[in-house]
N, C-alpha and C. Protein backbone atom coordinates (compact mmCIF):
# COMPACT_ATOMS: atom_id res chain seq x y z
N MET A 1 0.85 -1.19 0.00
CA MET A 1 0.00 0.00 0.00
C MET A 1 0.89 1.24 0.00
N LYS A 2 0.40 2.27 -0.64
CA LYS A 2 1.16 3.51 -0.74
C LYS A 2 0.77 4.41 0.42
N TRP A 3 1.55 4.40 1.46
CA TRP A 3 1.21 5.12 2.69
C TRP A 3 1.38 6.62 2.54
N PHE A 4 2.36 7.03 1.76
CA PHE A 4 2.58 8.47 1.60
C PHE A 4 1.38 9.14 0.91
N GLU A 5 0.84 8.47 -0.12
CA GLU A 5 -0.32 9.02 -0.80
C GLU A 5 -1.53 9.07 0.12
N LEU A 6 -1.68 8.06 0.96
CA LEU A 6 -2.78 8.05 1.92
C LEU A 6 -2.64 9.22 2.91
N LEU A 7 -1.44 9.45 3.40
CA LEU A 7 -1.22 10.57 4.31
C LEU A 7 -1.40 11.92 3.62
N THR A 8 -1.04 11.99 2.35
CA THR A 8 -1.24 13.22 1.59
C THR A 8 -2.72 13.55 1.44
N VAL A 9 -3.52 12.54 1.11
CA VAL A 9 -4.96 12.75 0.96
C VAL A 9 -5.59 13.09 2.31
N ALA A 10 -5.16 12.41 3.36
CA ALA A 10 -5.70 12.70 4.69
C ALA A 10 -5.34 14.12 5.14
N GLY A 11 -4.13 14.54 4.88
CA GLY A 11 -3.71 15.90 5.23
C GLY A 11 -4.46 16.95 4.44
N ALA A 12 -4.65 16.72 3.15
CA ALA A 12 -5.39 17.67 2.33
C ALA A 12 -6.85 17.75 2.76
N THR A 13 -7.43 16.61 3.10
CA THR A 13 -8.81 16.59 3.57
C THR A 13 -8.96 17.35 4.88
N LEU A 14 -8.03 17.12 5.80
CA LEU A 14 -8.07 17.82 7.08
C LEU A 14 -7.91 19.33 6.89
N ALA A 15 -6.97 19.72 6.05
CA ALA A 15 -6.75 21.16 5.81
C ALA A 15 -7.97 21.80 5.16
N ALA A 16 -8.59 21.12 4.20
CA ALA A 16 -9.77 21.68 3.53
C ALA A 16 -10.94 21.78 4.50
N ALA A 17 -11.12 20.77 5.33
CA ALA A 17 -12.23 20.79 6.29
C ALA A 17 -12.05 21.92 7.31
N VAL A 18 -10.84 22.08 7.80
CA VAL A 18 -10.57 23.15 8.77
C VAL A 18 -10.77 24.52 8.13
N THR A 19 -10.37 24.67 6.89
CA THR A 19 -10.52 25.94 6.19
C THR A 19 -12.00 26.29 5.99
N VAL A 20 -12.80 25.31 5.55
CA VAL A 20 -14.22 25.57 5.31
C VAL A 20 -14.93 25.90 6.62
N VAL A 21 -14.63 25.14 7.67
CA VAL A 21 -15.28 25.39 8.96
C VAL A 21 -14.86 26.75 9.52
N ALA A 22 -13.59 27.11 9.38
CA ALA A 22 -13.13 28.41 9.88
C ALA A 22 -13.78 29.56 9.11
N LEU A 23 -13.89 29.43 7.79
CA LEU A 23 -14.53 30.48 7.00
C LEU A 23 -16.01 30.61 7.35
N TYR A 24 -16.69 29.48 7.53
CA TYR A 24 -18.10 29.53 7.87
C TYR A 24 -18.29 30.15 9.27
N SER A 25 -17.44 29.76 10.21
CA SER A 25 -17.53 30.32 11.56
C SER A 25 -17.27 31.81 11.55
N LEU A 26 -16.29 32.24 10.77
CA LEU A 26 -16.00 33.66 10.67
C LEU A 26 -17.17 34.41 10.04
N GLY A 27 -17.80 33.80 9.04
CA GLY A 27 -18.96 34.43 8.42
C GLY A 27 -20.12 34.57 9.39
N VAL A 28 -20.36 33.53 10.19
CA VAL A 28 -21.44 33.61 11.19
C VAL A 28 -21.11 34.67 12.23
N ARG A 29 -19.86 34.72 12.67
CA ARG A 29 -19.46 35.71 13.67
C ARG A 29 -19.61 37.14 13.13
N LEU A 30 -19.19 37.35 11.89
CA LEU A 30 -19.32 38.69 11.30
C LEU A 30 -20.78 39.07 11.10
N THR A 31 -21.63 38.10 10.77
CA THR A 31 -23.05 38.39 10.64
C THR A 31 -23.64 38.79 11.99
N ALA A 32 -23.22 38.11 13.06
CA ALA A 32 -23.71 38.46 14.39
C ALA A 32 -23.23 39.83 14.82
N ILE A 33 -21.98 40.15 14.50
CA ILE A 33 -21.44 41.46 14.86
C ILE A 33 -22.16 42.55 14.07
N ALA A 34 -22.44 42.29 12.78
CA ALA A 34 -23.12 43.28 11.95
C ALA A 34 -24.55 43.52 12.42
N GLY A 35 -25.15 42.54 13.08
CA GLY A 35 -26.51 42.71 13.57
C GLY A 35 -26.60 43.52 14.84
N ASP A 36 -25.47 43.80 15.47
CA ASP A 36 -25.46 44.61 16.69
C ASP A 36 -25.75 46.07 16.34
N ALA A 37 -26.62 46.67 17.09
CA ALA A 37 -27.03 48.05 16.79
C ALA A 37 -25.95 49.07 17.10
N GLN A 38 -24.98 48.74 17.92
CA GLN A 38 -23.96 49.69 18.35
C GLN A 38 -22.73 49.71 17.43
N GLN A 39 -22.72 48.92 16.39
CA GLN A 39 -21.56 48.87 15.49
C GLN A 39 -21.52 50.10 14.60
N ALA A 40 -20.29 50.54 14.32
CA ALA A 40 -20.11 51.74 13.51
C ALA A 40 -20.37 51.47 12.02
N SER A 41 -19.87 50.36 11.50
CA SER A 41 -20.03 50.08 10.07
C SER A 41 -20.51 48.64 9.88
N PRO A 42 -21.80 48.40 10.06
CA PRO A 42 -22.30 47.03 9.92
C PRO A 42 -22.30 46.55 8.46
N GLY A 43 -22.35 47.47 7.51
CA GLY A 43 -22.37 47.07 6.10
C GLY A 43 -21.09 46.39 5.67
N VAL A 44 -19.96 46.89 6.15
CA VAL A 44 -18.67 46.30 5.80
C VAL A 44 -18.56 44.90 6.40
N LYS A 45 -18.96 44.76 7.64
CA LYS A 45 -18.89 43.45 8.29
C LYS A 45 -19.83 42.45 7.64
N ARG A 46 -21.00 42.93 7.27
CA ARG A 46 -21.96 42.03 6.61
C ARG A 46 -21.43 41.61 5.24
N SER A 47 -20.82 42.51 4.50
CA SER A 47 -20.28 42.14 3.19
C SER A 47 -19.10 41.19 3.33
N LEU A 48 -18.28 41.37 4.36
CA LEU A 48 -17.19 40.40 4.61
C LEU A 48 -17.75 39.04 4.99
N ALA A 49 -18.85 39.02 5.72
CA ALA A 49 -19.50 37.75 6.05
C ALA A 49 -19.97 37.05 4.79
N TYR A 50 -20.55 37.81 3.86
CA TYR A 50 -21.02 37.21 2.61
C TYR A 50 -19.85 36.71 1.78
N VAL A 51 -18.73 37.39 1.84
CA VAL A 51 -17.53 36.91 1.14
C VAL A 51 -17.08 35.57 1.74
N CYS A 52 -17.10 35.46 3.06
CA CYS A 52 -16.73 34.20 3.71
C CYS A 52 -17.68 33.07 3.30
N PHE A 53 -18.99 33.36 3.26
CA PHE A 53 -19.96 32.35 2.84
C PHE A 53 -19.75 31.97 1.37
N GLY A 54 -19.42 32.94 0.56
CA GLY A 54 -19.15 32.67 -0.85
C GLY A 54 -17.93 31.79 -1.05
N LEU A 55 -16.88 32.04 -0.27
CA LEU A 55 -15.68 31.21 -0.35
C LEU A 55 -15.97 29.78 0.10
N CYS A 56 -16.83 29.63 1.10
CA CYS A 56 -17.26 28.29 1.52
C CYS A 56 -17.97 27.58 0.39
N GLY A 57 -18.86 28.30 -0.27
CA GLY A 57 -19.59 27.71 -1.40
C GLY A 57 -18.66 27.31 -2.53
N LEU A 58 -17.68 28.15 -2.81
CA LEU A 58 -16.71 27.81 -3.86
C LEU A 58 -15.89 26.58 -3.49
N ALA A 59 -15.52 26.46 -2.22
CA ALA A 59 -14.77 25.29 -1.78
C ALA A 59 -15.60 24.02 -1.92
N VAL A 60 -16.88 24.11 -1.61
CA VAL A 60 -17.76 22.95 -1.76
C VAL A 60 -17.93 22.60 -3.24
N LEU A 61 -18.12 23.59 -4.08
CA LEU A 61 -18.25 23.32 -5.51
C LEU A 61 -16.97 22.73 -6.10
N PHE A 62 -15.82 23.20 -5.64
CA PHE A 62 -14.55 22.64 -6.11
C PHE A 62 -14.39 21.19 -5.66
N GLY A 63 -14.82 20.89 -4.43
CA GLY A 63 -14.78 19.51 -3.96
C GLY A 63 -15.68 18.61 -4.80
N LEU A 64 -16.86 19.11 -5.15
CA LEU A 64 -17.75 18.33 -6.02
C LEU A 64 -17.14 18.14 -7.40
N TYR A 65 -16.47 19.16 -7.89
CA TYR A 65 -15.79 19.06 -9.17
C TYR A 65 -14.73 17.95 -9.15
N LEU A 66 -14.03 17.85 -8.03
CA LEU A 66 -13.00 16.82 -7.93
C LEU A 66 -13.58 15.42 -7.75
N ILE A 67 -14.74 15.33 -7.10
CA ILE A 67 -15.31 14.02 -6.79
C ILE A 67 -16.09 13.43 -7.98
N ILE A 68 -16.87 14.26 -8.67
CA ILE A 68 -17.74 13.76 -9.73
C ILE A 68 -16.92 13.55 -11.00
N PRO A 69 -16.84 12.32 -11.49
CA PRO A 69 -15.98 12.03 -12.65
C PRO A 69 -16.43 12.73 -13.94
N TYR A 70 -17.70 13.05 -14.06
CA TYR A 70 -18.20 13.68 -15.28
C TYR A 70 -17.54 15.04 -15.52
N PHE A 71 -17.27 15.77 -14.45
CA PHE A 71 -16.71 17.11 -14.58
C PHE A 71 -15.19 17.10 -14.74
N SER A 72 -14.51 16.16 -14.15
CA SER A 72 -13.04 16.18 -14.17
C SER A 72 -12.44 15.33 -15.27
N ALA A 73 -13.26 14.65 -16.04
CA ALA A 73 -12.72 13.77 -17.10
C ALA A 73 -12.46 14.49 -18.37
C-alpha cells in the first residue's frame, strides 16, 4: 500500500475541512457582529461575512468538481 499518498490525501482533507469550517464560523461571527445596533459600520462586516460564505460555497463546488468524474474527465 502507498502510505505516503494516503497521508497526503488525509492531510489535504483535514486542511480543507478546517478551512471551510473556519470560514463559515468567521462568516457567522461577522453576521452576528453586523446585527449589533452599536456597530459603527455594519455594512462592511456584513459584506465580509457574505464573502466568507461565498468562499465556503466555492470550496464545496470545487470539492464536487474533484469528486464527480463527469466534470473532471
